[in-house]
C-alpha atoms as a PDB file:
ATOM      1  CA  MET A   1       0.021   0.018   0.053  1.00  0.00           C
ATOM      2  CA  PRO A   2       1.560   3.325  -1.042  1.00  0.00           C
ATOM      3  CA  GLU A   3       2.101   6.006   1.581  1.00  0.00           C
ATOM      4  CA  ILE A   4       0.662   9.492   1.128  1.00  0.00           C
ATOM      5  CA  HIS A   5       2.917  12.331   2.043  1.00  0.00           C
ATOM      6  CA  GLN A   6       1.377  15.724   2.537  1.00  0.00           C
ATOM      7  CA  THR A   7       2.997  18.927   3.534  1.00  0.00           C
ATOM      8  CA  ASP A   8       1.546  20.998   6.284  1.00  0.00           C
ATOM      9  CA  ALA A   9       0.219  23.517   3.749  1.00  0.00           C
ATOM     10  CA  GLU A  10      -1.586  20.835   1.791  1.00  0.00           C
ATOM     11  CA  VAL A  11      -3.205  19.584   5.032  1.00  0.00           C
ATOM     12  CA  SER A  12      -4.204  23.152   5.954  1.00  0.00           C
ATOM     13  CA  ALA A  13      -5.678  23.755   2.523  1.00  0.00           C
ATOM     14  CA  HIS A  14      -7.699  20.552   2.767  1.00  0.00           C
ATOM     15  CA  VAL A  15      -9.061  21.446   6.191  1.00  0.00           C
ATOM     16  CA  GLU A  16     -10.058  24.899   4.951  1.00  0.00           C
ATOM     17  CA  SER A  17     -11.823  23.312   1.915  1.00  0.00           C
ATOM     18  CA  LEU A  18     -13.767  21.105   4.303  1.00  0.00           C
ATOM     19  CA  LYS A  19     -14.789  24.068   6.557  1.00  0.00           C
ATOM     20  CA  SER A  20     -16.193  25.897   3.531  1.00  0.00           C
ATOM     21  CA  ALA A  21     -18.218  22.874   2.498  1.00  0.00           C
ATOM     22  CA  THR A  22     -19.816  22.478   5.911  1.00  0.00           C
ATOM     23  CA  ILE A  23     -23.526  22.105   5.747  1.00  0.00           C
ATOM     24  CA  ARG A  24     -25.371  23.886   8.484  1.00  0.00           C
ATOM     25  CA  ILE A  25     -28.530  22.212   9.549  1.00  0.00           C
ATOM     26  CA  ARG A  26     -31.367  24.555  10.846  1.00  0.00           C
ATOM     27  CA  THR A  27     -34.893  23.820  12.126  1.00  0.00           C
ATOM     28  CA  CYS A  28     -37.978  25.399  10.500  1.00  0.00           C
ATOM     29  CA  ILE A  29     -39.989  27.256  13.165  1.00  0.00           C
ATOM     30  CA  ALA A  30     -43.203  26.194  11.489  1.00  0.00           C
ATOM     31  CA  THR A  31     -42.785  22.613  10.537  1.00  0.00           C
ATOM     32  CA  ARG A  32     -39.923  21.718  12.970  1.00  0.00           C
ATOM     33  CA  GLU A  33     -38.156  19.927  10.078  1.00  0.00           C
ATOM     34  CA  HIS A  34     -34.380  19.891  10.009  1.00  0.00           C
ATOM     35  CA  GLN A  35     -32.968  21.107   6.708  1.00  0.00           C
ATOM     36  CA  PRO A  36     -29.789  22.769   5.342  1.00  0.00           C
ATOM     37  CA  ASP A  37     -29.815  26.413   5.862  1.00  0.00           C
ATOM     38  CA  THR A  38     -29.680  26.964   2.188  1.00  0.00           C
ATOM     39  CA  ALA A  39     -33.138  25.348   1.856  1.00  0.00           C
ATOM     40  CA  LEU A  40     -34.655  27.676   4.415  1.00  0.00           C
ATOM     41  CA  LEU A  41     -35.486  31.413   4.556  1.00  0.00           C
ATOM     42  CA  ARG A  42     -33.871  33.393   7.408  1.00  0.00           C
ATOM     43  CA  VAL A  43     -36.082  35.983   8.885  1.00  0.00           C
ATOM     44  CA  VAL A  44     -35.267  38.734  11.474  1.00  0.00           C
ATOM     45  CA  GLU A  45     -37.052  41.445  13.395  1.00  0.00           C
ATOM     46  CA  ASP A  46     -36.653  44.991  11.969  1.00  0.00           C
ATOM     47  CA  ARG A  47     -34.527  46.898  14.476  1.00  0.00           C
ATOM     48  CA  ASP A  48     -36.292  50.203  13.620  1.00  0.00           C
ATOM     49  CA  ASN A  49     -39.850  48.870  13.826  1.00  0.00           C
ATOM     50  CA  PRO A  50     -40.401  46.393  16.719  1.00  0.00           C
ATOM     51  CA  GLY A  51     -42.598  43.488  15.801  1.00  0.00           C
ATOM     52  CA  VAL A  52     -41.968  43.824  12.037  1.00  0.00           C
ATOM     53  CA  ILE A  53     -40.468  40.604  10.596  1.00  0.00           C
ATOM     54  CA  LEU A  54     -38.286  40.897   7.548  1.00  0.00           C
ATOM     55  CA  PRO A  55     -36.996  38.377   5.161  1.00  0.00           C
ATOM     56  CA  ASP A  56     -33.241  37.893   5.020  1.00  0.00           C
ATOM     57  CA  PRO A  57     -32.551  35.709   1.970  1.00  0.00           C
ATOM     58  CA  ASN A  58     -28.835  36.707   1.962  1.00  0.00           C
ATOM     59  CA  ARG A  59     -28.566  35.786   5.680  1.00  0.00           C
ATOM     60  CA  ARG A  60     -26.578  39.003   6.424  1.00  0.00           C
ATOM     61  CA  MET A  61     -28.956  41.079   8.556  1.00  0.00           C
ATOM     62  CA  GLN A  62     -27.936  41.763  12.154  1.00  0.00           C
ATOM     63  CA  GLY A  63     -30.036  40.382  14.986  1.00  0.00           C
ATOM     64  CA  ARG A  64     -31.471  37.145  16.130  1.00  0.00           C
ATOM     65  CA  GLY A  65     -32.722  35.113  13.234  1.00  0.00           C
ATOM     66  CA  ALA A  66     -35.208  32.294  12.721  1.00  0.00           C
ATOM     67  CA  TRP A  67     -35.624  29.918   9.900  1.00  0.00           C
ATOM     68  CA  LEU A  68     -38.652  29.111   7.885  1.00  0.00           C
ATOM     69  CA  THR A  69     -39.546  26.803   5.089  1.00  0.00           C
ATOM     70  CA  PRO A  70     -39.996  29.179   2.091  1.00  0.00           C
ATOM     71  CA  SER A  71     -43.663  28.703   1.474  1.00  0.00           C
ATOM     72  CA  ILE A  72     -46.909  30.491   2.320  1.00  0.00           C
ATOM     73  CA  ALA A  73     -48.220  27.400   4.011  1.00  0.00           C
ATOM     74  CA  ALA A  74     -45.268  27.311   6.362  1.00  0.00           C
ATOM     75  CA  LEU A  75     -45.734  31.032   7.025  1.00  0.00           C
ATOM     76  CA  ASP A  76     -49.337  30.377   7.835  1.00  0.00           C
ATOM     77  CA  LEU A  77     -48.519  27.556  10.220  1.00  0.00           C
ATOM     78  CA  ALA A  78     -45.784  29.619  11.937  1.00  0.00           C
ATOM     79  CA  GLU A  79     -48.311  32.451  12.496  1.00  0.00           C
ATOM     80  CA  GLN A  80     -50.906  30.005  13.829  1.00  0.00           C
ATOM     81  CA  ARG A  81     -48.423  28.557  16.265  1.00  0.00           C
ATOM     82  CA  ARG A  82     -47.085  32.004  17.224  1.00  0.00           C
ATOM     83  CA  ALA A  83     -43.641  30.702  16.435  1.00  0.00           C
ATOM     84  CA  PHE A  84     -42.184  34.061  15.351  1.00  0.00           C
ATOM     85  CA  GLY A  85     -42.614  35.609  18.781  1.00  0.00           C
ATOM     86  CA  ARG A  86     -40.931  32.632  20.507  1.00  0.00           C
ATOM     87  CA  ALA A  87     -38.113  32.237  18.031  1.00  0.00           C
ATOM     88  CA  LEU A  88     -37.184  35.835  17.716  1.00  0.00           C
ATOM     89  CA  ARG A  89     -37.999  36.641  21.330  1.00  0.00           C
ATOM     90  CA  VAL A  90     -40.446  39.332  20.348  1.00  0.00           C
ATOM     91  CA  SER A  91     -43.008  40.412  23.095  1.00  0.00           C
ATOM     92  CA  THR A  92     -45.127  42.562  20.795  1.00  0.00           C
ATOM     93  CA  LYS A  93     -47.564  41.411  18.096  1.00  0.00           C
ATOM     94  CA  VAL A  94     -45.705  40.476  15.026  1.00  0.00           C
ATOM     95  CA  ASP A  95     -46.278  41.813  11.508  1.00  0.00           C
ATOM     96  CA  THR A  96     -45.214  39.214   8.848  1.00  0.00           C
ATOM     97  CA  GLY A  97     -46.435  41.207   5.816  1.00  0.00           C
ATOM     98  CA  HIS A  98     -42.949  41.686   4.376  1.00  0.00           C
ATOM     99  CA  VAL A  99     -42.243  37.992   4.520  1.00  0.00           C
ATOM    100  CA  ARG A 100     -45.619  37.142   2.929  1.00  0.00           C
ATOM    101  CA  THR A 101     -44.877  39.611   0.089  1.00  0.00           C
ATOM    102  CA  TYR A 102     -41.419  38.198  -0.487  1.00  0.00           C
ATOM    103  CA  LEU A 103     -42.759  34.563  -0.580  1.00  0.00           C
ATOM    104  CA  ALA A 104     -45.548  35.504  -2.906  1.00  0.00           C
ATOM    105  CA  GLY A 105     -43.075  37.180  -5.123  1.00  0.00           C
ATOM    106  CA  THR A 106     -40.538  34.277  -5.246  1.00  0.00           C
ATOM    107  CA  ALA A 107     -43.329  31.849  -6.078  1.00  0.00           C
ATOM    108  CA  ALA A 108     -43.723  33.630  -9.356  1.00  0.00           C
ATOM    109  CA  GLY A 109     -40.266  32.618 -10.381  1.00  0.00           C
ATOM    110  CA  PRO A 110     -36.604  32.716  -9.394  1.00  0.00           C
ATOM    111  CA  ASP A 111     -35.720  35.920 -11.352  1.00  0.00           C
ATOM    112  CA  ILE A 112     -38.444  38.195  -9.960  1.00  0.00           C
ATOM    113  CA  TYR A 113     -35.964  40.445  -8.038  1.00  0.00           C
ATOM    114  CA  LYS A 114     -33.197  40.290 -10.629  1.00  0.00           C
ATOM    115  CA  GLU A 115     -32.469  43.679 -12.145  1.00  0.00           C
ATOM    116  CA  ASP A 116     -32.322  43.839 -15.952  1.00  0.00           C
END
């Protein structure tokens, strides 16, 4: 059996490539299903308007986030279960209108927000 010799730099490069390929598993607040974060929509509370929930498709907004299966049915279920308040630690009534508008828009096709 041949031996494999690797330099420290090769090992470090391999470790870094594995880190970037890590799949983060998150739980949908509505369905409680575990999925890769790329399959879920991150939502956050608007810092300037307490109780207003915003979609964060790029997963870059500051603040505590929650993960939602990107469908109107999952949004309805999360609202019914009052999951947004618990997941985001919001004590006021939540407004999910922005998330609903985003989900309705993305259902029309993947390029709806693409600039021409």
